[in-house]
């Protein structure tokens, strides 16, 4: 599995950004080839991170390219500039079900 990470700083309204990302961006990213899961994370101080898991490295890189263009064109009003975009192999994973 491979992860695609995007960090945004200077998000003016975290609640509005979260709502817009959920309504508009999640359907887009989840329709990309190799999609497994998506996470939208608050880092505090108006910084956010998205973390998406894909089947292949090419899928993860493709997602970052598409996300960069799509965010610039459609989410500029609710997200600050993307300051860091990366993709890489997940070498270790541990999970549990929580009630």
N, C-alpha and C. Protein backbone atom coordinates (compact mmCIF):
# COMPACT_ATOMS: atom_id res chain seq x y z
N UNK A 1 0.84 -1.17 0.00
CA UNK A 1 0.00 0.00 0.00
C UNK A 1 0.89 1.24 0.00
N UNK A 2 0.32 2.33 -0.51
CA UNK A 2 1.05 3.59 -0.64
C UNK A 2 0.18 4.73 -0.14
N UNK A 3 0.83 5.75 0.43
CA UNK A 3 0.10 6.88 0.97
C UNK A 3 0.42 8.14 0.20
N UNK A 4 -0.59 8.97 0.08
CA UNK A 4 -0.49 10.29 -0.51
C UNK A 4 -0.82 11.28 0.60
N UNK A 5 0.09 12.23 0.88
CA UNK A 5 -0.12 13.19 1.96
C UNK A 5 -0.06 14.61 1.41
N UNK A 6 -0.98 15.43 1.88
CA UNK A 6 -1.02 16.83 1.49
C UNK A 6 -1.27 17.66 2.74
N UNK A 7 -0.44 18.66 2.96
CA UNK A 7 -0.56 19.53 4.15
C UNK A 7 -0.93 20.93 3.69
N UNK A 8 -1.90 21.52 4.39
CA UNK A 8 -2.39 22.87 4.07
C UNK A 8 -2.25 23.73 5.31
N UNK A 9 -1.69 24.91 5.15
CA UNK A 9 -1.57 25.86 6.26
C UNK A 9 -2.33 27.12 5.92
N UNK A 10 -2.72 27.83 6.95
CA UNK A 10 -3.46 29.08 6.75
C UNK A 10 -4.89 28.86 6.32
N UNK A 11 -5.49 27.75 6.77
CA UNK A 11 -6.89 27.46 6.46
C UNK A 11 -7.73 28.45 7.26
N UNK A 12 -8.46 29.34 6.59
CA UNK A 12 -9.17 30.41 7.31
C UNK A 12 -10.32 29.94 8.18
N UNK A 13 -11.03 28.88 7.77
CA UNK A 13 -12.18 28.39 8.52
C UNK A 13 -12.17 26.86 8.42
N UNK A 14 -11.67 26.21 9.46
CA UNK A 14 -11.51 24.76 9.45
C UNK A 14 -12.84 24.04 9.25
N UNK A 15 -13.89 24.50 9.90
CA UNK A 15 -15.21 23.86 9.77
C UNK A 15 -15.72 23.96 8.34
N UNK A 16 -15.60 25.12 7.73
CA UNK A 16 -16.06 25.30 6.34
C UNK A 16 -15.22 24.47 5.38
N UNK A 17 -13.92 24.42 5.62
CA UNK A 17 -13.04 23.60 4.78
C UNK A 17 -13.40 22.13 4.90
N UNK A 18 -13.64 21.67 6.11
CA UNK A 18 -13.99 20.27 6.34
C UNK A 18 -15.29 19.92 5.63
N UNK A 19 -16.27 20.78 5.73
CA UNK A 19 -17.55 20.54 5.06
C UNK A 19 -17.39 20.46 3.55
N UNK A 20 -16.64 21.41 2.98
CA UNK A 20 -16.45 21.44 1.53
C UNK A 20 -15.62 20.25 1.06
N UNK A 21 -14.58 19.90 1.79
CA UNK A 21 -13.76 18.73 1.44
C UNK A 21 -14.62 17.47 1.45
N UNK A 22 -15.46 17.31 2.46
CA UNK A 22 -16.31 16.13 2.56
C UNK A 22 -17.33 16.06 1.42
N UNK A 23 -17.93 17.19 1.11
CA UNK A 23 -18.98 17.21 0.08
C UNK A 23 -18.44 17.10 -1.34
N UNK A 24 -17.28 17.71 -1.58
CA UNK A 24 -16.82 17.85 -2.95
C UNK A 24 -15.55 17.06 -3.25
N UNK A 25 -14.58 17.10 -2.35
CA UNK A 25 -13.29 16.46 -2.63
C UNK A 25 -13.29 14.96 -2.39
N UNK A 26 -13.91 14.52 -1.30
CA UNK A 26 -13.91 13.08 -0.99
C UNK A 26 -14.50 12.24 -2.12
N UNK A 27 -15.63 12.65 -2.73
CA UNK A 27 -16.12 11.86 -3.86
C UNK A 27 -15.13 11.80 -5.03
N UNK A 28 -14.39 12.88 -5.25
CA UNK A 28 -13.40 12.90 -6.33
C UNK A 28 -12.25 11.95 -6.04
N UNK A 29 -11.64 12.10 -4.87
CA UNK A 29 -10.45 11.30 -4.54
C UNK A 29 -10.80 9.82 -4.41
N UNK A 30 -11.99 9.53 -3.87
CA UNK A 30 -12.36 8.11 -3.67
C UNK A 30 -12.69 7.42 -4.98
N UNK A 31 -12.91 8.17 -6.05
CA UNK A 31 -13.18 7.58 -7.36
C UNK A 31 -11.91 7.30 -8.15
N UNK A 32 -10.75 7.73 -7.65
CA UNK A 32 -9.50 7.51 -8.38
C UNK A 32 -9.08 6.04 -8.31
N UNK A 33 -8.38 5.57 -9.34
CA UNK A 33 -7.92 4.18 -9.36
C UNK A 33 -7.04 3.85 -8.15
N UNK A 34 -7.27 2.69 -7.57
CA UNK A 34 -6.46 2.20 -6.47
C UNK A 34 -6.80 2.77 -5.11
N UNK A 35 -7.84 3.58 -5.01
CA UNK A 35 -8.21 4.20 -3.72
C UNK A 35 -8.56 3.14 -2.69
N UNK A 36 -8.07 3.33 -1.46
CA UNK A 36 -8.40 2.45 -0.34
C UNK A 36 -9.10 3.22 0.78
N UNK A 37 -8.48 4.33 1.26
CA UNK A 37 -9.11 5.11 2.33
C UNK A 37 -8.59 6.54 2.35
N UNK A 38 -9.37 7.41 3.00
CA UNK A 38 -9.05 8.84 3.07
C UNK A 38 -9.23 9.33 4.51
N UNK A 39 -8.31 10.22 4.93
CA UNK A 39 -8.39 10.84 6.26
C UNK A 39 -8.15 12.34 6.12
N UNK A 40 -8.92 13.15 6.84
CA UNK A 40 -8.77 14.60 6.88
C UNK A 40 -8.43 14.94 8.32
N UNK A 41 -7.26 15.50 8.56
CA UNK A 41 -6.71 15.62 9.91
C UNK A 41 -6.47 17.09 10.26
N UNK A 42 -6.92 17.50 11.44
CA UNK A 42 -6.63 18.84 11.94
C UNK A 42 -5.31 18.79 12.69
N UNK A 43 -4.39 19.68 12.32
CA UNK A 43 -3.09 19.75 12.97
C UNK A 43 -3.02 20.90 13.97
N UNK A 44 -4.15 21.62 14.12
CA UNK A 44 -4.17 22.79 14.99
C UNK A 44 -3.58 24.00 14.28
N UNK A 45 -3.79 25.17 14.84
CA UNK A 45 -3.25 26.41 14.29
C UNK A 45 -3.60 26.61 12.82
N UNK A 46 -4.82 26.25 12.43
CA UNK A 46 -5.32 26.42 11.07
C UNK A 46 -4.52 25.65 10.02
N UNK A 47 -3.96 24.52 10.43
CA UNK A 47 -3.26 23.63 9.51
C UNK A 47 -4.03 22.32 9.41
N UNK A 48 -4.12 21.79 8.21
CA UNK A 48 -4.84 20.54 7.96
C UNK A 48 -3.95 19.62 7.13
N UNK A 49 -4.23 18.32 7.22
CA UNK A 49 -3.52 17.35 6.41
C UNK A 49 -4.50 16.32 5.88
N UNK A 50 -4.34 15.96 4.63
CA UNK A 50 -5.11 14.83 4.11
C UNK A 50 -4.14 13.68 3.90
N UNK A 51 -4.62 12.49 4.19
CA UNK A 51 -3.82 11.27 4.11
C UNK A 51 -4.69 10.24 3.39
N UNK A 52 -4.24 9.83 2.22
CA UNK A 52 -5.03 8.91 1.41
C UNK A 52 -4.19 7.67 1.12
N UNK A 53 -4.80 6.50 1.21
CA UNK A 53 -4.10 5.25 0.95
C UNK A 53 -4.55 4.69 -0.40
N UNK A 54 -3.56 4.25 -1.17
CA UNK A 54 -3.80 3.67 -2.49
C UNK A 54 -3.08 2.34 -2.65
N UNK A 55 -3.46 1.59 -3.66
CA UNK A 55 -2.86 0.28 -3.92
C UNK A 55 -1.44 0.38 -4.45
N UNK A 56 -1.16 1.37 -5.31
CA UNK A 56 0.17 1.47 -5.92
C UNK A 56 0.77 2.86 -5.73
N UNK A 57 2.08 2.95 -5.91
CA UNK A 57 2.77 4.23 -5.84
C UNK A 57 2.27 5.16 -6.94
N UNK A 58 2.09 4.62 -8.13
CA UNK A 58 1.58 5.43 -9.25
C UNK A 58 0.21 6.02 -8.92
N UNK A 59 -0.65 5.23 -8.26
CA UNK A 59 -1.97 5.74 -7.84
C UNK A 59 -1.81 6.92 -6.88
N UNK A 60 -0.90 6.81 -5.92
CA UNK A 60 -0.68 7.86 -4.91
C UNK A 60 -0.14 9.13 -5.55
N UNK A 61 0.83 8.99 -6.45
CA UNK A 61 1.40 10.15 -7.13
C UNK A 61 0.35 10.82 -8.00
N UNK A 62 -0.41 10.02 -8.73
CA UNK A 62 -1.49 10.54 -9.58
C UNK A 62 -2.50 11.33 -8.73
N UNK A 63 -2.82 10.82 -7.56
CA UNK A 63 -3.76 11.52 -6.68
C UNK A 63 -3.23 12.88 -6.26
N UNK A 64 -1.95 12.96 -5.95
CA UNK A 64 -1.37 14.24 -5.55
C UNK A 64 -1.40 15.24 -6.70
N UNK A 65 -1.13 14.79 -7.89
CA UNK A 65 -1.17 15.67 -9.06
C UNK A 65 -2.59 16.18 -9.27
N UNK A 66 -3.55 15.26 -9.29
CA UNK A 66 -4.95 15.64 -9.50
C UNK A 66 -5.45 16.53 -8.35
N UNK A 67 -5.09 16.20 -7.13
CA UNK A 67 -5.54 16.98 -5.97
C UNK A 67 -4.99 18.40 -6.03
N UNK A 68 -3.73 18.55 -6.40
CA UNK A 68 -3.14 19.89 -6.47
C UNK A 68 -3.89 20.78 -7.45
N UNK A 69 -4.17 20.24 -8.62
CA UNK A 69 -4.90 21.00 -9.63
C UNK A 69 -6.32 21.28 -9.16
N UNK A 70 -6.98 20.25 -8.66
CA UNK A 70 -8.38 20.37 -8.27
C UNK A 70 -8.56 21.34 -7.11
N UNK A 71 -7.67 21.26 -6.11
CA UNK A 71 -7.75 22.17 -4.96
C UNK A 71 -7.53 23.61 -5.42
N UNK A 72 -6.53 23.81 -6.27
CA UNK A 72 -6.24 25.16 -6.77
C UNK A 72 -7.45 25.73 -7.51
N UNK A 73 -8.14 24.89 -8.28
CA UNK A 73 -9.26 25.37 -9.09
C UNK A 73 -10.58 25.47 -8.33
N UNK A 74 -10.80 24.62 -7.30
CA UNK A 74 -12.13 24.53 -6.69
C UNK A 74 -12.19 24.78 -5.19
N UNK A 75 -11.08 24.69 -4.48
CA UNK A 75 -11.13 24.82 -3.02
C UNK A 75 -10.26 25.96 -2.50
N UNK A 76 -9.78 26.81 -3.38
CA UNK A 76 -8.91 27.91 -2.97
C UNK A 76 -9.55 28.78 -1.90
N UNK A 77 -10.88 28.94 -1.97
CA UNK A 77 -11.56 29.83 -1.02
C UNK A 77 -11.59 29.28 0.40
N UNK A 78 -11.45 27.97 0.59
CA UNK A 78 -11.54 27.40 1.94
C UNK A 78 -10.23 26.78 2.44
N UNK A 79 -9.26 26.62 1.55
CA UNK A 79 -7.97 26.04 1.96
C UNK A 79 -6.85 27.03 1.69
N UNK A 80 -5.86 27.01 2.55
CA UNK A 80 -4.65 27.78 2.29
C UNK A 80 -3.83 27.05 1.23
N UNK A 81 -2.71 27.61 0.88
CA UNK A 81 -1.88 26.94 -0.13
C UNK A 81 -1.32 25.62 0.40
N UNK A 82 -1.21 24.65 -0.49
CA UNK A 82 -0.61 23.38 -0.10
C UNK A 82 0.88 23.61 0.08
N UNK A 83 1.39 23.35 1.27
CA UNK A 83 2.80 23.62 1.52
C UNK A 83 3.66 22.39 1.37
N UNK A 84 3.03 21.23 1.39
CA UNK A 84 3.83 20.01 1.25
C UNK A 84 2.95 18.91 0.68
N UNK A 85 3.46 18.24 -0.36
CA UNK A 85 2.76 17.14 -0.99
C UNK A 85 3.76 16.01 -1.17
N UNK A 86 3.41 14.82 -0.67
CA UNK A 86 4.32 13.68 -0.75
C UNK A 86 3.55 12.40 -0.99
N UNK A 87 4.28 11.39 -1.45
CA UNK A 87 3.72 10.05 -1.61
C UNK A 87 4.82 9.05 -1.31
N UNK A 88 4.44 7.92 -0.71
CA UNK A 88 5.44 6.91 -0.40
C UNK A 88 4.80 5.60 0.02
N UNK A 89 5.64 4.60 0.14
CA UNK A 89 5.18 3.26 0.50
C UNK A 89 4.91 3.17 2.00
N UNK A 90 3.82 2.53 2.35
CA UNK A 90 3.51 2.26 3.75
C UNK A 90 4.27 0.99 4.13
N UNK A 91 5.24 1.12 5.01
CA UNK A 91 6.08 -0.02 5.38
C UNK A 91 5.56 -0.77 6.58
N UNK A 92 4.74 -0.12 7.38
CA UNK A 92 4.22 -0.74 8.59
C UNK A 92 2.81 -0.23 8.83
N UNK A 93 1.93 -1.11 9.17
CA UNK A 93 0.55 -0.72 9.47
C UNK A 93 0.04 -1.55 10.63
N UNK A 94 -0.64 -0.89 11.55
CA UNK A 94 -1.29 -1.59 12.65
C UNK A 94 -2.62 -0.87 12.87
N UNK A 95 -3.67 -1.62 13.03
CA UNK A 95 -4.96 -1.01 13.24
C UNK A 95 -5.80 -1.81 14.21
N UNK A 96 -6.84 -1.17 14.70
CA UNK A 96 -7.77 -1.86 15.57
C UNK A 96 -9.15 -1.27 15.38
N UNK A 97 -10.15 -2.05 15.68
CA UNK A 97 -11.53 -1.55 15.63
C UNK A 97 -11.84 -0.92 16.98
N UNK A 98 -12.41 0.29 16.92
CA UNK A 98 -12.80 0.96 18.18
C UNK A 98 -14.30 1.14 18.17
N UNK A 99 -14.92 0.94 19.30
CA UNK A 99 -16.36 1.11 19.43
C UNK A 99 -16.73 2.53 19.65
